[in-house]
Amino acid sequence: MNAAIVDTDVVLMLFKGDTRALAYRSPIAGRLLGISFMTMAELDRWSLERDWGQGRKRRFCTPPKGQSQ
């Protein structure tokens, strides 16, 4: 299995469509991606602090096309 753990900053850059995320697209393409428990906690806190609605949270939790949960 070809897997990788992705850091909080990378997850957020990819989600936001930040141009800095382009540097990570090739190394993670086609890999099973995971996050640490700390990244999950940081992302949860981040969404609470920014008062995300249910739609945005749902979109964030939906994997990109070609990826599975």
C-alpha atoms as a PDB file:
ATOM      1  CA  MET A   1       0.000   0.000   0.000  1.00  0.00           C
ATOM      2  CA  ASN A   2       1.304   3.420  -0.960  1.00  0.00           C
ATOM      3  CA  ALA A   3       0.107   5.701   1.850  1.00  0.00           C
ATOM      4  CA  ALA A   4       1.070   9.113   3.225  1.00  0.00           C
ATOM      5  CA  ILE A   5       0.209  11.196   6.284  1.00  0.00           C
ATOM      6  CA  VAL A   6      -0.687  14.762   5.342  1.00  0.00           C
ATOM      7  CA  ASP A   7       0.018  17.726   7.642  1.00  0.00           C
ATOM      8  CA  THR A   8      -2.667  20.220   8.688  1.00  0.00           C
ATOM      9  CA  ASP A   9      -1.190  22.990   6.551  1.00  0.00           C
ATOM     10  CA  VAL A  10      -1.210  20.805   3.444  1.00  0.00           C
ATOM     11  CA  VAL A  11      -4.825  19.746   4.053  1.00  0.00           C
ATOM     12  CA  LEU A  12      -5.903  23.370   4.382  1.00  0.00           C
ATOM     13  CA  MET A  13      -3.934  24.516   1.336  1.00  0.00           C
ATOM     14  CA  LEU A  14      -5.527  21.778  -0.770  1.00  0.00           C
ATOM     15  CA  PHE A  15      -9.017  22.559   0.554  1.00  0.00           C
ATOM     16  CA  LYS A  16      -8.688  26.294  -0.045  1.00  0.00           C
ATOM     17  CA  GLY A  17      -7.171  25.876  -3.507  1.00  0.00           C
ATOM     18  CA  ASP A  18      -4.039  27.721  -2.365  1.00  0.00           C
ATOM     19  CA  THR A  19      -1.348  27.879  -5.055  1.00  0.00           C
ATOM     20  CA  ARG A  20       1.218  26.547  -2.558  1.00  0.00           C
ATOM     21  CA  ALA A  21      -0.678  23.241  -2.634  1.00  0.00           C
ATOM     22  CA  LEU A  22       0.598  22.630  -6.176  1.00  0.00           C
ATOM     23  CA  ALA A  23       3.960  21.591  -4.716  1.00  0.00           C
ATOM     24  CA  TYR A  24       2.248  18.712  -2.877  1.00  0.00           C
ATOM     25  CA  ARG A  25      -0.090  17.434  -5.592  1.00  0.00           C
ATOM     26  CA  SER A  26       2.479  15.308  -7.409  1.00  0.00           C
ATOM     27  CA  PRO A  27       3.997  13.612  -4.318  1.00  0.00           C
ATOM     28  CA  ILE A  28       0.562  12.617  -2.959  1.00  0.00           C
ATOM     29  CA  ALA A  29      -1.177  11.778  -6.249  1.00  0.00           C
ATOM     30  CA  GLY A  30      -2.605   8.266  -6.257  1.00  0.00           C
ATOM     31  CA  ARG A  31      -1.700   7.625  -2.622  1.00  0.00           C
ATOM     32  CA  LEU A  32      -3.955   6.681   0.255  1.00  0.00           C
ATOM     33  CA  LEU A  33      -3.939   9.807   2.424  1.00  0.00           C
ATOM     34  CA  GLY A  34      -4.363  10.009   6.159  1.00  0.00           C
ATOM     35  CA  ILE A  35      -4.108  12.594   8.906  1.00  0.00           C
ATOM     36  CA  SER A  36      -2.953  12.365  12.507  1.00  0.00           C
ATOM     37  CA  PHE A  37      -5.290  12.750  15.473  1.00  0.00           C
ATOM     38  CA  MET A  38      -3.703  16.154  16.142  1.00  0.00           C
ATOM     39  CA  THR A  39      -4.451  17.328  12.608  1.00  0.00           C
ATOM     40  CA  MET A  40      -8.064  16.191  13.084  1.00  0.00           C
ATOM     41  CA  ALA A  41      -8.266  18.199  16.325  1.00  0.00           C
ATOM     42  CA  GLU A  42      -6.702  21.278  14.694  1.00  0.00           C
ATOM     43  CA  LEU A  43      -9.101  21.110  11.752  1.00  0.00           C
ATOM     44  CA  ASP A  44     -12.089  20.690  14.067  1.00  0.00           C
ATOM     45  CA  ARG A  45     -11.018  23.686  16.133  1.00  0.00           C
ATOM     46  CA  TRP A  46     -10.307  25.700  12.973  1.00  0.00           C
ATOM     47  CA  SER A  47     -13.836  25.120  11.650  1.00  0.00           C
ATOM     48  CA  LEU A  48     -15.393  26.033  15.018  1.00  0.00           C
ATOM     49  CA  GLU A  49     -13.385  29.267  15.312  1.00  0.00           C
ATOM     50  CA  ARG A  50     -14.458  30.288  11.810  1.00  0.00           C
ATOM     51  CA  ASP A  51     -18.101  29.371  12.435  1.00  0.00           C
ATOM     52  CA  TRP A  52     -18.436  27.050   9.460  1.00  0.00           C
ATOM     53  CA  GLY A  53     -21.933  26.010   8.497  1.00  0.00           C
ATOM     54  CA  GLN A  54     -23.002  22.409   7.893  1.00  0.00           C
ATOM     55  CA  GLY A  55     -22.606  22.717   4.109  1.00  0.00           C
ATOM     56  CA  ARG A  56     -18.978  23.771   4.313  1.00  0.00           C
ATOM     57  CA  LYS A  57     -18.178  21.099   6.902  1.00  0.00           C
ATOM     58  CA  ARG A  58     -19.798  18.467   4.674  1.00  0.00           C
ATOM     59  CA  ARG A  59     -17.791  19.662   1.652  1.00  0.00           C
ATOM     60  CA  PHE A  60     -14.606  19.562   3.715  1.00  0.00           C
ATOM     61  CA  CYS A  61     -15.280  15.959   4.769  1.00  0.00           C
ATOM     62  CA  THR A  62     -16.020  14.794   1.218  1.00  0.00           C
ATOM     63  CA  PRO A  63     -12.922  13.354  -0.451  1.00  0.00           C
ATOM     64  CA  PRO A  64     -11.848  14.826  -3.792  1.00  0.00           C
ATOM     65  CA  LYS A  65     -12.758  12.917  -6.940  1.00  0.00           C
ATOM     66  CA  GLY A  66     -10.582   9.858  -7.292  1.00  0.00           C
ATOM     67  CA  GLN A  67     -10.029   9.584  -3.539  1.00  0.00           C
ATOM     68  CA  SER A  68     -11.900   7.410  -1.092  1.00  0.00           C
ATOM     69  CA  GLN A  69     -12.553   7.792   2.607  1.00  0.00           C
END
